[in-house]
Amino acid sequence: MKRLIWLLLLCCLPAQATISFTQFAAHAGSGSSPYSLTVSSTGSGHLLFVQGYYSAGSTEFITSVSGGGTWVIPSSCQQGYSAIGAANSCAYVLSSSSGTTSVSIGFSGTSTTWAFAFYEVSTSLTGFSLDAIATSTYSTSNTAPAGQALTLTGSEDVIIQQIQCDTSFPTSTYINESYNYEQVQSAQPFGSAYLLNTTTGTAPAWVWNANSGGCAVGAASFTDEPAVSGTGQVGVFVVQ
């Protein structure tokens, strides 16, 4: 007599993730808090990220953000550099609500020279979580100041870089290490860039034809949350 025994094993395999750029918006100007930044209609469950730049003081940071979801304003993203009168900060939403077309940004101080940059990023998985944030300053004079290095723990990240220097960026500005450069405002000392689907936090280099005498830099990274999908089947038989 023959007996056939099948053992079925369901195998959960990690889904292949893809982090995608959705939109960028920015504005530089002057005026009192808050400022309403116009953006394209947001999607649901996406990462939203705002950068704040102030070039008339070193203690003026983002204090509130509304529109598009629940905003987090991390103090670890705040970087003031009194030597050049610069202040950088950021805020983020890990899972956006759909249909938002403006974001209201409040800030401290009385700065008359400011800029804001807005990112929306999506993932093919279930959402995002914060991986790392870091900031630094340096006074070395050069035409290729380094961006911010990060120590990543995620298996796949999006990194968003921020820089403010004492010299305005010309139109020829770019950034290496496969980053995508986004212009915050022409002929202003504000820079922004992003890198998708990466596992390395190596500091990039900003490159422009101007001699920077000092810069404040920062970066934040986010990883998409783990998800599993797919099944496998293994058959084992015994014959007697």
Protein backbone atom coordinates (compact mmCIF):
# COMPACT_ATOMS: atom_id res chain seq x y z
CA MET A 1 0.00 0.00 0.00
CA LYS A 2 1.19 3.40 -0.82
CA ARG A 3 0.57 6.36 1.38
CA LEU A 4 1.08 9.91 0.12
CA ILE A 5 1.64 12.60 2.69
CA TRP A 6 1.73 16.20 1.62
CA LEU A 7 3.11 18.90 3.85
CA LEU A 8 2.13 22.37 2.80
CA LEU A 9 4.28 25.28 3.78
CA LEU A 10 3.05 28.82 3.29
CA CYS A 11 5.97 31.11 2.76
CA CYS A 12 5.73 34.86 3.36
CA LEU A 13 8.13 36.76 1.16
CA PRO A 14 8.92 40.49 1.49
CA ALA A 15 7.22 42.58 -1.17
CA GLN A 16 9.49 44.51 -3.52
CA ALA A 17 9.25 48.14 -2.44
CA THR A 18 9.33 51.19 -4.64
CA ILE A 19 9.55 54.72 -3.25
CA SER A 20 8.44 57.33 -5.78
CA PHE A 21 8.66 61.11 -6.05
CA THR A 22 5.22 62.74 -6.28
CA GLN A 23 5.68 66.50 -6.13
CA PHE A 24 7.82 69.42 -5.04
CA ALA A 25 6.75 73.00 -4.27
CA ALA A 26 8.69 75.94 -2.87
CA HIS A 27 8.46 79.65 -2.25
CA ALA A 28 10.83 82.30 -0.90
CA GLY A 29 9.75 85.70 0.29
CA SER A 30 9.09 87.85 3.32
CA GLY A 31 6.31 88.54 5.77
CA SER A 32 4.95 87.43 9.10
CA SER A 33 3.87 83.97 10.28
CA PRO A 34 2.04 81.91 9.14
CA TYR A 35 2.59 81.39 5.41
CA SER A 36 0.24 79.32 3.23
CA LEU A 37 2.17 77.31 0.63
CA THR A 38 0.16 76.18 -2.39
CA VAL A 39 0.75 72.56 -3.46
CA SER A 40 -0.82 70.12 -5.89
CA SER A 41 -3.60 67.97 -4.46
CA THR A 42 -2.02 65.40 -2.15
CA GLY A 43 -2.59 61.65 -2.25
CA SER A 44 -3.51 59.35 0.62
CA GLY A 45 -0.95 57.57 2.79
CA HIS A 46 2.06 59.45 1.44
CA LEU A 47 5.06 61.06 3.13
CA LEU A 48 4.89 64.86 3.32
CA PHE A 49 8.01 66.85 4.22
CA VAL A 50 8.54 70.58 4.71
CA GLN A 51 11.85 72.42 5.00
CA GLY A 52 12.14 75.90 6.48
CA TYR A 53 14.98 78.31 5.68
CA TYR A 54 15.60 81.67 7.39
CA SER A 55 18.46 83.96 6.43
CA ALA A 56 18.01 86.86 8.86
CA GLY A 57 18.65 85.10 12.15
CA SER A 58 19.72 81.82 13.73
CA THR A 59 16.78 81.03 16.02
CA GLU A 60 13.79 81.18 13.68
CA PHE A 61 12.33 77.73 13.18
CA ILE A 62 9.10 76.10 12.04
CA THR A 63 6.65 76.06 14.98
CA SER A 64 3.49 74.68 13.41
CA VAL A 65 2.22 73.09 10.21
CA SER A 66 -1.35 72.25 9.26
CA GLY A 67 -2.95 70.66 6.22
CA GLY A 68 -2.52 67.17 4.84
CA GLY A 69 -2.24 65.12 8.02
CA THR A 70 -0.68 65.01 11.47
CA TRP A 71 2.58 66.96 11.40
CA VAL A 72 5.65 66.22 13.51
CA ILE A 73 8.20 69.01 14.10
CA PRO A 74 11.42 67.36 15.32
CA SER A 75 13.85 69.50 17.31
CA SER A 76 16.65 67.30 15.93
CA CYS A 77 16.07 68.96 12.56
CA GLN A 78 16.60 72.50 13.87
CA GLN A 79 19.96 74.02 13.02
CA GLY A 80 20.88 77.62 13.74
CA TYR A 81 24.19 79.10 12.59
CA SER A 82 24.74 82.60 13.94
CA ALA A 83 28.00 83.11 12.03
CA ILE A 84 26.04 83.46 8.77
CA GLY A 85 22.62 84.34 10.24
CA ALA A 86 20.98 81.10 9.09
CA ALA A 87 18.35 78.80 10.57
CA ASN A 88 17.04 75.54 9.09
CA SER A 89 14.20 73.32 10.32
CA CYS A 90 11.77 70.70 9.07
CA ALA A 91 8.45 68.94 9.67
CA TYR A 92 6.86 65.77 8.32
CA VAL A 93 3.69 63.70 7.97
CA LEU A 94 4.14 59.92 7.74
CA SER A 95 0.70 59.20 6.24
CA SER A 96 -1.03 62.02 4.39
CA SER A 97 -4.70 62.66 3.83
CA SER A 98 -5.87 63.16 0.24
CA GLY A 99 -7.02 66.33 -1.43
CA THR A 100 -4.89 68.93 0.38
CA THR A 101 -3.92 71.89 -1.84
CA SER A 102 -2.26 74.20 0.70
CA VAL A 103 -0.09 73.85 3.78
CA SER A 104 -0.01 76.55 6.47
CA ILE A 105 3.44 76.98 8.05
CA GLY A 106 4.00 78.92 11.26
CA PHE A 107 7.45 80.07 12.33
CA SER A 108 9.09 81.84 15.23
CA GLY A 109 10.85 85.18 15.19
CA THR A 110 10.37 88.15 12.89
CA SER A 111 12.45 87.14 9.91
CA THR A 112 11.76 89.03 6.72
CA THR A 113 13.72 86.62 4.55
CA TRP A 114 12.50 83.04 4.49
CA ALA A 115 11.80 80.11 2.19
CA PHE A 116 9.85 76.87 2.41
CA ALA A 117 10.16 73.67 0.40
CA PHE A 118 7.53 70.92 0.27
CA TYR A 119 7.89 67.28 -0.79
CA GLU A 120 5.36 64.51 -1.32
CA VAL A 121 6.70 60.96 -1.66
CA SER A 122 4.79 57.69 -2.09
CA THR A 123 5.58 54.02 -1.58
CA SER A 124 4.22 50.79 -3.02
CA LEU A 125 4.17 49.36 0.53
CA THR A 126 2.01 50.33 3.48
CA GLY A 127 3.60 53.61 4.64
CA PHE A 128 6.68 55.30 6.06
CA SER A 129 8.58 55.57 9.32
CA LEU A 130 11.36 57.97 10.32
CA ASP A 131 14.82 56.44 10.00
CA ALA A 132 17.37 59.20 10.75
CA ILE A 133 17.81 62.96 11.12
CA ALA A 134 21.07 64.89 11.50
CA THR A 135 22.38 68.45 11.12
CA SER A 136 25.76 70.17 11.12
CA THR A 137 27.53 73.42 10.29
CA TYR A 138 30.94 74.28 8.89
CA SER A 139 32.87 77.39 7.94
CA THR A 140 35.28 75.92 5.38
CA SER A 141 35.36 78.04 2.26
CA ASN A 142 34.89 76.02 -0.94
CA THR A 143 32.74 75.65 -4.02
CA ALA A 144 31.58 72.11 -3.20
CA PRO A 145 30.32 72.01 0.40
CA ALA A 146 29.41 68.59 1.73
CA GLY A 147 25.83 67.64 2.46
CA GLN A 148 24.72 65.80 5.59
CA ALA A 149 25.74 62.16 6.17
CA LEU A 150 23.22 59.79 7.79
CA THR A 151 23.46 56.37 9.40
CA LEU A 152 20.59 54.38 7.89
CA THR A 153 18.90 51.38 9.47
CA GLY A 154 16.12 50.92 6.92
CA SER A 155 16.33 48.46 4.05
CA GLU A 156 15.18 51.13 1.58
CA ASP A 157 15.04 54.87 2.26
CA VAL A 158 14.26 58.25 0.82
CA ILE A 159 16.70 60.96 1.95
CA ILE A 160 15.93 64.68 1.73
CA GLN A 161 18.87 67.09 2.03
CA GLN A 162 18.81 70.75 3.07
CA ILE A 163 21.55 73.40 2.87
CA GLN A 164 21.82 77.14 3.51
CA CYS A 165 25.04 79.06 2.91
CA ASP A 166 26.22 82.64 3.09
CA THR A 167 26.52 82.82 -0.71
CA SER A 168 23.57 82.62 -3.11
CA PHE A 169 23.40 79.61 -5.41
CA PRO A 170 23.77 80.33 -9.13
CA THR A 171 21.58 78.59 -11.69
CA SER A 172 24.38 76.08 -12.38
CA THR A 173 24.04 74.49 -8.92
CA TYR A 174 23.84 70.71 -8.76
CA ILE A 175 24.45 67.86 -6.30
CA ASN A 176 26.23 64.54 -6.80
CA GLU A 177 25.78 61.00 -5.40
CA SER A 178 22.69 60.45 -7.63
CA TYR A 179 20.64 63.08 -5.80
CA ASN A 180 17.95 65.06 -7.58
CA TYR A 181 18.34 68.82 -7.10
CA GLU A 182 15.28 71.02 -6.53
CA GLN A 183 15.58 74.78 -6.79
CA VAL A 184 13.99 76.54 -3.83
CA GLN A 185 14.46 80.02 -5.25
CA SER A 186 16.71 81.41 -7.97
CA ALA A 187 19.76 83.34 -6.73
CA GLN A 188 19.12 82.49 -3.08
CA PRO A 189 21.39 80.63 -0.59
CA PHE A 190 18.89 77.77 -0.12
CA GLY A 191 19.35 74.27 -1.53
CA SER A 192 17.19 71.13 -1.47
CA ALA A 193 17.63 67.65 -2.94
CA TYR A 194 16.31 64.11 -2.60
CA LEU A 195 17.46 60.52 -3.15
CA LEU A 196 15.06 57.59 -3.58
CA ASN A 197 15.35 53.88 -2.83
CA THR A 198 18.76 53.99 -1.17
CA THR A 199 20.54 52.01 1.53
CA THR A 200 23.49 54.37 1.96
CA GLY A 201 23.65 57.65 3.86
CA THR A 202 26.93 58.88 2.35
CA ALA A 203 27.15 62.67 2.37
CA PRO A 204 26.72 64.17 -1.10
CA ALA A 205 28.56 67.26 -2.33
CA TRP A 206 26.81 70.40 -3.46
CA VAL A 207 28.57 72.00 -6.42
CA TRP A 208 28.21 75.55 -7.69
CA ASN A 209 30.37 78.30 -9.13
CA ALA A 210 30.48 80.40 -5.98
CA ASN A 211 32.75 80.38 -2.97
CA SER A 212 30.85 79.49 0.17
CA GLY A 213 32.23 80.88 3.40
CA GLY A 214 29.94 78.87 5.67
CA CYS A 215 26.93 76.56 5.53
CA ALA A 216 24.27 74.93 7.69
CA VAL A 217 23.24 71.50 6.42
CA GLY A 218 20.77 68.84 7.43
CA ALA A 219 19.04 65.71 6.18
CA ALA A 220 16.21 63.38 7.11
CA SER A 221 15.59 59.84 5.92
CA PHE A 222 12.44 57.73 5.93
CA THR A 223 11.99 54.04 5.26
CA ASP A 224 8.83 52.37 4.02
CA GLU A 225 7.25 50.05 6.57
CA PRO A 226 7.72 46.29 6.10
CA ALA A 227 5.03 44.30 4.41
CA VAL A 228 4.73 40.68 3.31
CA SER A 229 2.97 39.11 0.39
CA GLY A 230 3.02 36.03 -1.74
CA THR A 231 2.78 32.35 -0.85
CA GLY A 232 4.88 29.36 -1.63
CA GLN A 233 4.06 25.65 -1.48
CA VAL A 234 6.39 22.79 -0.70
CA GLY A 235 5.26 19.17 -1.11
CA VAL A 236 6.87 16.28 0.77
CA PHE A 237 5.73 12.73 0.17
CA VAL A 238 6.54 9.37 1.74
CA VAL A 239 5.92 6.14 -0.15
CA GLN A 240 5.51 2.80 1.68
